[in-house]
Amino acid sequence: MKKIVLSICICSLLLVSCKKESNRETIGQESNLVNYEMFGRNVVTGGKDVLSASDMLTKFKNLQEGDTLNVKFASTIVEVCQKKGCWMNVDLGNDEQTFVKFKDYEFFAPMDAKDHKVILDGKAFISVVSIDDLKHYAKDAGKSDFEIEQITEPEVTYSFVANGIAIDSNKGEKK
């Protein structure tokens, strides 16, 4: 009997932990209606504190390794993890993107969210991979000596950990 009760408790916990948190919020005027679906913490989608993607790129470029910045910005989803939606890449403009993970894996993005507008709320930071590490990784990947010698600059990665995201359900519409 104890095993049955314990099994039921464990199954219940698993179901609750895998639940997708989702709320819908409709914002806009009569002619410009935007329907956001919330994941994680609710995101306030309006106001002057929501940066554009290009403003966010400027913020990233001014960060140093070890810095973090609490910020909210709007952009377009470029790619979503197709295994379970546990990460996504978001456009920053000028052929730049940020790699987004979700705080403590508390929520996931819909796997079909590519090309949707999104507002992200969380922490921005950069990771810098040294030249020596890049050469080491290239050697491990079987790159030629010539290719390894072409590595002359560290690689900066723009990263973001989202506490919450709001995804516009109107795919691909420029707003």
C-alpha atoms as a PDB file:
ATOM      1  CA  MET A   1       0.000   0.000   0.000  1.00  0.00           C
ATOM      2  CA  LYS A   2       2.830   2.393   0.850  1.00  0.00           C
ATOM      3  CA  LYS A   3       4.385   1.747  -2.575  1.00  0.00           C
ATOM      4  CA  ILE A   4       1.132   2.610  -4.333  1.00  0.00           C
ATOM      5  CA  VAL A   5       0.738   5.885  -2.429  1.00  0.00           C
ATOM      6  CA  LEU A   6       4.395   6.749  -3.031  1.00  0.00           C
ATOM      7  CA  SER A   7       4.030   5.976  -6.753  1.00  0.00           C
ATOM      8  CA  ILE A   8       0.951   8.201  -7.018  1.00  0.00           C
ATOM      9  CA  CYS A   9       2.783  11.058  -5.241  1.00  0.00           C
ATOM     10  CA  ILE A  10       5.812  10.751  -7.540  1.00  0.00           C
ATOM     11  CA  CYS A  11       3.648  10.656 -10.666  1.00  0.00           C
ATOM     12  CA  SER A  12       1.723  13.718  -9.475  1.00  0.00           C
ATOM     13  CA  LEU A  13       4.952  15.635  -8.875  1.00  0.00           C
ATOM     14  CA  LEU A  14       6.240  14.712 -12.326  1.00  0.00           C
ATOM     15  CA  LEU A  15       3.034  15.880 -13.992  1.00  0.00           C
ATOM     16  CA  VAL A  16       3.079  19.194 -12.118  1.00  0.00           C
ATOM     17  CA  SER A  17       6.769  19.832 -12.902  1.00  0.00           C
ATOM     18  CA  CYS A  18       6.243  19.194 -16.630  1.00  0.00           C
ATOM     19  CA  LYS A  19       3.207  21.485 -16.884  1.00  0.00           C
ATOM     20  CA  LYS A  20       3.573  24.355 -19.346  1.00  0.00           C
ATOM     21  CA  GLU A  21       2.757  27.677 -17.696  1.00  0.00           C
ATOM     22  CA  SER A  22       0.767  29.641 -20.193  1.00  0.00           C
ATOM     23  CA  ASN A  23      -1.381  32.728 -19.897  1.00  0.00           C
ATOM     24  CA  ARG A  24      -2.792  34.829 -22.683  1.00  0.00           C
ATOM     25  CA  GLU A  25      -2.748  38.612 -22.693  1.00  0.00           C
ATOM     26  CA  THR A  26      -4.340  40.735 -25.405  1.00  0.00           C
ATOM     27  CA  ILE A  27      -2.878  44.189 -25.890  1.00  0.00           C
ATOM     28  CA  GLY A  28      -3.419  46.876 -28.449  1.00  0.00           C
ATOM     29  CA  GLN A  29      -5.819  49.263 -30.044  1.00  0.00           C
ATOM     30  CA  GLU A  30      -8.767  48.324 -32.222  1.00  0.00           C
ATOM     31  CA  SER A  31      -6.709  48.175 -35.419  1.00  0.00           C
ATOM     32  CA  ASN A  32      -3.481  46.745 -33.969  1.00  0.00           C
ATOM     33  CA  LEU A  33      -4.438  43.819 -31.736  1.00  0.00           C
ATOM     34  CA  VAL A  34      -1.581  41.711 -30.374  1.00  0.00           C
ATOM     35  CA  ASN A  35      -2.264  38.424 -28.610  1.00  0.00           C
ATOM     36  CA  TYR A  36       0.619  37.302 -26.375  1.00  0.00           C
ATOM     37  CA  GLU A  37       0.998  33.894 -24.828  1.00  0.00           C
ATOM     38  CA  MET A  38       3.025  33.990 -21.607  1.00  0.00           C
ATOM     39  CA  PHE A  39       5.572  31.394 -20.553  1.00  0.00           C
ATOM     40  CA  GLY A  40       7.316  31.516 -17.178  1.00  0.00           C
ATOM     41  CA  ARG A  41       6.762  34.733 -15.236  1.00  0.00           C
ATOM     42  CA  ASN A  42       4.263  37.162 -16.733  1.00  0.00           C
ATOM     43  CA  VAL A  43       5.955  39.807 -18.860  1.00  0.00           C
ATOM     44  CA  VAL A  44       4.664  43.358 -18.994  1.00  0.00           C
ATOM     45  CA  THR A  45       4.594  43.825 -22.754  1.00  0.00           C
ATOM     46  CA  GLY A  46       4.112  47.572 -22.976  1.00  0.00           C
ATOM     47  CA  GLY A  47       6.029  50.580 -21.813  1.00  0.00           C
ATOM     48  CA  LYS A  48       9.283  52.333 -22.480  1.00  0.00           C
ATOM     49  CA  ASP A  49      11.364  49.711 -20.667  1.00  0.00           C
ATOM     50  CA  VAL A  50      10.967  47.212 -23.552  1.00  0.00           C
ATOM     51  CA  LEU A  51      14.085  47.663 -25.703  1.00  0.00           C
ATOM     52  CA  SER A  52      14.248  46.993 -29.431  1.00  0.00           C
ATOM     53  CA  ALA A  53      16.492  44.214 -30.758  1.00  0.00           C
ATOM     54  CA  SER A  54      19.005  46.778 -32.059  1.00  0.00           C
ATOM     55  CA  ASP A  55      19.103  48.539 -28.672  1.00  0.00           C
ATOM     56  CA  MET A  56      19.690  45.158 -27.046  1.00  0.00           C
ATOM     57  CA  LEU A  57      22.588  44.473 -29.425  1.00  0.00           C
ATOM     58  CA  THR A  58      24.146  47.774 -28.339  1.00  0.00           C
ATOM     59  CA  LYS A  59      23.743  46.745 -24.683  1.00  0.00           C
ATOM     60  CA  PHE A  60      25.414  43.379 -25.412  1.00  0.00           C
ATOM     61  CA  LYS A  61      28.334  45.092 -27.156  1.00  0.00           C
ATOM     62  CA  ASN A  62      28.920  47.239 -24.064  1.00  0.00           C
ATOM     63  CA  LEU A  63      28.967  44.285 -21.638  1.00  0.00           C
ATOM     64  CA  GLN A  64      32.213  42.849 -20.301  1.00  0.00           C
ATOM     65  CA  GLU A  65      32.707  39.207 -19.382  1.00  0.00           C
ATOM     66  CA  GLY A  66      31.218  38.681 -15.922  1.00  0.00           C
ATOM     67  CA  ASP A  67      28.659  41.513 -16.282  1.00  0.00           C
ATOM     68  CA  THR A  68      24.936  40.793 -16.176  1.00  0.00           C
ATOM     69  CA  LEU A  69      22.118  43.108 -17.121  1.00  0.00           C
ATOM     70  CA  ASN A  70      18.469  42.804 -16.089  1.00  0.00           C
ATOM     71  CA  VAL A  71      16.562  43.799 -19.191  1.00  0.00           C
ATOM     72  CA  LYS A  72      13.415  43.360 -21.243  1.00  0.00           C
ATOM     73  CA  PHE A  73      13.502  43.459 -25.058  1.00  0.00           C
ATOM     74  CA  ALA A  74      11.426  42.640 -28.118  1.00  0.00           C
ATOM     75  CA  SER A  75      12.616  40.682 -31.131  1.00  0.00           C
ATOM     76  CA  THR A  76      11.866  37.749 -33.442  1.00  0.00           C
ATOM     77  CA  ILE A  77      12.515  34.083 -32.721  1.00  0.00           C
ATOM     78  CA  VAL A  78      15.006  32.620 -35.209  1.00  0.00           C
ATOM     79  CA  GLU A  79      15.164  29.038 -33.949  1.00  0.00           C
ATOM     80  CA  VAL A  80      13.711  26.874 -31.161  1.00  0.00           C
ATOM     81  CA  CYS A  81      15.058  23.599 -29.766  1.00  0.00           C
ATOM     82  CA  GLN A  82      13.130  20.902 -31.608  1.00  0.00           C
ATOM     83  CA  LYS A  83      13.583  18.324 -28.883  1.00  0.00           C
ATOM     84  CA  LYS A  84      11.425  20.046 -26.249  1.00  0.00           C
ATOM     85  CA  GLY A  85      11.706  23.832 -26.633  1.00  0.00           C
ATOM     86  CA  CYS A  86      14.357  24.259 -23.918  1.00  0.00           C
ATOM     87  CA  TRP A  87      16.288  27.028 -25.744  1.00  0.00           C
ATOM     88  CA  MET A  88      15.918  29.442 -28.623  1.00  0.00           C
ATOM     89  CA  ASN A  89      17.935  31.869 -30.726  1.00  0.00           C
ATOM     90  CA  VAL A  90      16.579  35.386 -31.051  1.00  0.00           C
ATOM     91  CA  ASP A  91      17.478  37.984 -33.677  1.00  0.00           C
ATOM     92  CA  LEU A  92      19.428  41.092 -32.614  1.00  0.00           C
ATOM     93  CA  GLY A  93      19.867  42.574 -36.105  1.00  0.00           C
ATOM     94  CA  ASN A  94      23.111  42.981 -38.089  1.00  0.00           C
ATOM     95  CA  ASP A  95      23.368  39.176 -38.474  1.00  0.00           C
ATOM     96  CA  GLU A  96      23.681  38.796 -34.682  1.00  0.00           C
ATOM     97  CA  GLN A  97      21.643  36.577 -32.379  1.00  0.00           C
ATOM     98  CA  THR A  98      21.369  35.815 -28.695  1.00  0.00           C
ATOM     99  CA  PHE A  99      21.136  32.296 -27.305  1.00  0.00           C
ATOM    100  CA  VAL A 100      18.233  32.122 -24.829  1.00  0.00           C
ATOM    101  CA  LYS A 101      17.736  29.577 -22.069  1.00  0.00           C
ATOM    102  CA  PHE A 102      14.931  29.551 -19.538  1.00  0.00           C
ATOM    103  CA  LYS A 103      15.578  30.101 -15.836  1.00  0.00           C
ATOM    104  CA  ASP A 104      16.030  26.779 -14.041  1.00  0.00           C
ATOM    105  CA  TYR A 105      14.215  25.040 -16.933  1.00  0.00           C
ATOM    106  CA  GLU A 106      10.942  26.149 -15.299  1.00  0.00           C
ATOM    107  CA  PHE A 107       9.276  26.567 -18.692  1.00  0.00           C
ATOM    108  CA  PHE A 108       9.855  25.924 -22.392  1.00  0.00           C
ATOM    109  CA  ALA A 109       9.045  27.701 -25.643  1.00  0.00           C
ATOM    110  CA  PRO A 110       6.644  26.166 -28.158  1.00  0.00           C
ATOM    111  CA  MET A 111       8.646  24.281 -30.767  1.00  0.00           C
ATOM    112  CA  ASP A 112       6.662  25.985 -33.558  1.00  0.00           C
ATOM    113  CA  ALA A 113       7.468  29.546 -32.361  1.00  0.00           C
ATOM    114  CA  LYS A 114      10.032  30.268 -35.094  1.00  0.00           C
ATOM    115  CA  ASP A 115       9.407  33.638 -36.804  1.00  0.00           C
ATOM    116  CA  HIS A 116       7.072  34.823 -34.022  1.00  0.00           C
ATOM    117  CA  LYS A 117       7.602  38.145 -32.256  1.00  0.00           C
ATOM    118  CA  VAL A 118       8.699  37.749 -28.642  1.00  0.00           C
ATOM    119  CA  ILE A 119       9.298  39.928 -25.612  1.00  0.00           C
ATOM    120  CA  LEU A 120      11.889  38.510 -23.222  1.00  0.00           C
ATOM    121  CA  ASP A 121      12.447  39.470 -19.593  1.00  0.00           C
ATOM    122  CA  GLY A 122      15.591  38.297 -17.818  1.00  0.00           C
ATOM    123  CA  LYS A 123      19.367  38.588 -17.599  1.00  0.00           C
ATOM    124  CA  ALA A 124      21.734  39.329 -20.473  1.00  0.00           C
ATOM    125  CA  PHE A 125      25.420  38.429 -20.331  1.00  0.00           C
ATOM    126  CA  ILE A 126      28.280  37.525 -22.607  1.00  0.00           C
ATOM    127  CA  SER A 127      30.572  34.542 -22.684  1.00  0.00           C
ATOM    128  CA  VAL A 128      34.047  34.906 -24.145  1.00  0.00           C
ATOM    129  CA  VAL A 129      35.834  31.813 -25.462  1.00  0.00           C
ATOM    130  CA  SER A 130      39.605  32.371 -25.520  1.00  0.00           C
ATOM    131  CA  ILE A 131      41.777  31.852 -28.600  1.00  0.00           C
ATOM    132  CA  ASP A 132      43.538  28.926 -26.900  1.00  0.00           C
ATOM    133  CA  ASP A 133      40.216  27.253 -26.101  1.00  0.00           C
ATOM    134  CA  LEU A 134      38.939  27.844 -29.637  1.00  0.00           C
ATOM    135  CA  LYS A 135      42.090  26.277 -31.072  1.00  0.00           C
ATOM    136  CA  HIS A 136      41.754  23.362 -28.670  1.00  0.00           C
ATOM    137  CA  TYR A 137      38.121  22.809 -29.733  1.00  0.00           C
ATOM    138  CA  ALA A 138      39.115  23.050 -33.408  1.00  0.00           C
ATOM    139  CA  LYS A 139      41.850  20.467 -32.891  1.00  0.00           C
ATOM    140  CA  ASP A 140      39.389  18.169 -31.098  1.00  0.00           C
ATOM    141  CA  ALA A 141      36.988  18.597 -34.015  1.00  0.00           C
ATOM    142  CA  GLY A 142      39.662  17.392 -36.440  1.00  0.00           C
ATOM    143  CA  LYS A 143      40.313  20.740 -38.124  1.00  0.00           C
ATOM    144  CA  SER A 144      43.495  21.108 -40.164  1.00  0.00           C
ATOM    145  CA  ASP A 145      46.555  22.968 -38.836  1.00  0.00           C
ATOM    146  CA  PHE A 146      45.833  25.703 -41.387  1.00  0.00           C
ATOM    147  CA  GLU A 147      42.265  26.145 -40.090  1.00  0.00           C
ATOM    148  CA  ILE A 148      43.496  26.216 -36.491  1.00  0.00           C
ATOM    149  CA  GLU A 149      46.070  28.909 -37.285  1.00  0.00           C
ATOM    150  CA  GLN A 150      43.282  31.081 -38.757  1.00  0.00           C
ATOM    151  CA  ILE A 151      41.798  31.457 -35.268  1.00  0.00           C
ATOM    152  CA  THR A 152      43.157  34.809 -34.116  1.00  0.00           C
ATOM    153  CA  GLU A 153      40.372  36.362 -32.028  1.00  0.00           C
ATOM    154  CA  PRO A 154      38.326  35.233 -29.036  1.00  0.00           C
ATOM    155  CA  GLU A 155      34.686  34.428 -29.730  1.00  0.00           C
ATOM    156  CA  VAL A 156      32.014  36.439 -27.947  1.00  0.00           C
ATOM    157  CA  THR A 157      28.646  34.771 -27.392  1.00  0.00           C
ATOM    158  CA  TYR A 158      25.580  36.823 -26.486  1.00  0.00           C
ATOM    159  CA  SER A 159      23.529  34.889 -23.928  1.00  0.00           C
ATOM    160  CA  PHE A 160      20.234  35.443 -22.150  1.00  0.00           C
ATOM    161  CA  VAL A 161      18.460  33.661 -19.296  1.00  0.00           C
ATOM    162  CA  ALA A 162      14.745  34.451 -19.441  1.00  0.00           C
ATOM    163  CA  ASN A 163      12.520  34.603 -16.374  1.00  0.00           C
ATOM    164  CA  GLY A 164       9.539  34.924 -18.683  1.00  0.00           C
ATOM    165  CA  ILE A 165       8.678  35.355 -22.350  1.00  0.00           C
ATOM    166  CA  ALA A 166       5.627  36.684 -24.178  1.00  0.00           C
ATOM    167  CA  ILE A 167       5.151  35.266 -27.676  1.00  0.00           C
ATOM    168  CA  ASP A 168       2.903  36.990 -30.202  1.00  0.00           C
ATOM    169  CA  SER A 169       0.519  34.405 -31.639  1.00  0.00           C
ATOM    170  CA  ASN A 170       0.426  36.301 -34.967  1.00  0.00           C
ATOM    171  CA  LYS A 171       3.340  34.599 -36.733  1.00  0.00           C
ATOM    172  CA  GLY A 172       5.614  36.672 -38.906  1.00  0.00           C
ATOM    173  CA  GLU A 173       3.685  39.937 -38.747  1.00  0.00           C
ATOM    174  CA  LYS A 174       5.966  42.946 -38.369  1.00  0.00           C
ATOM    175  CA  LYS A 175       4.751  45.195 -35.586  1.00  0.00           C
END
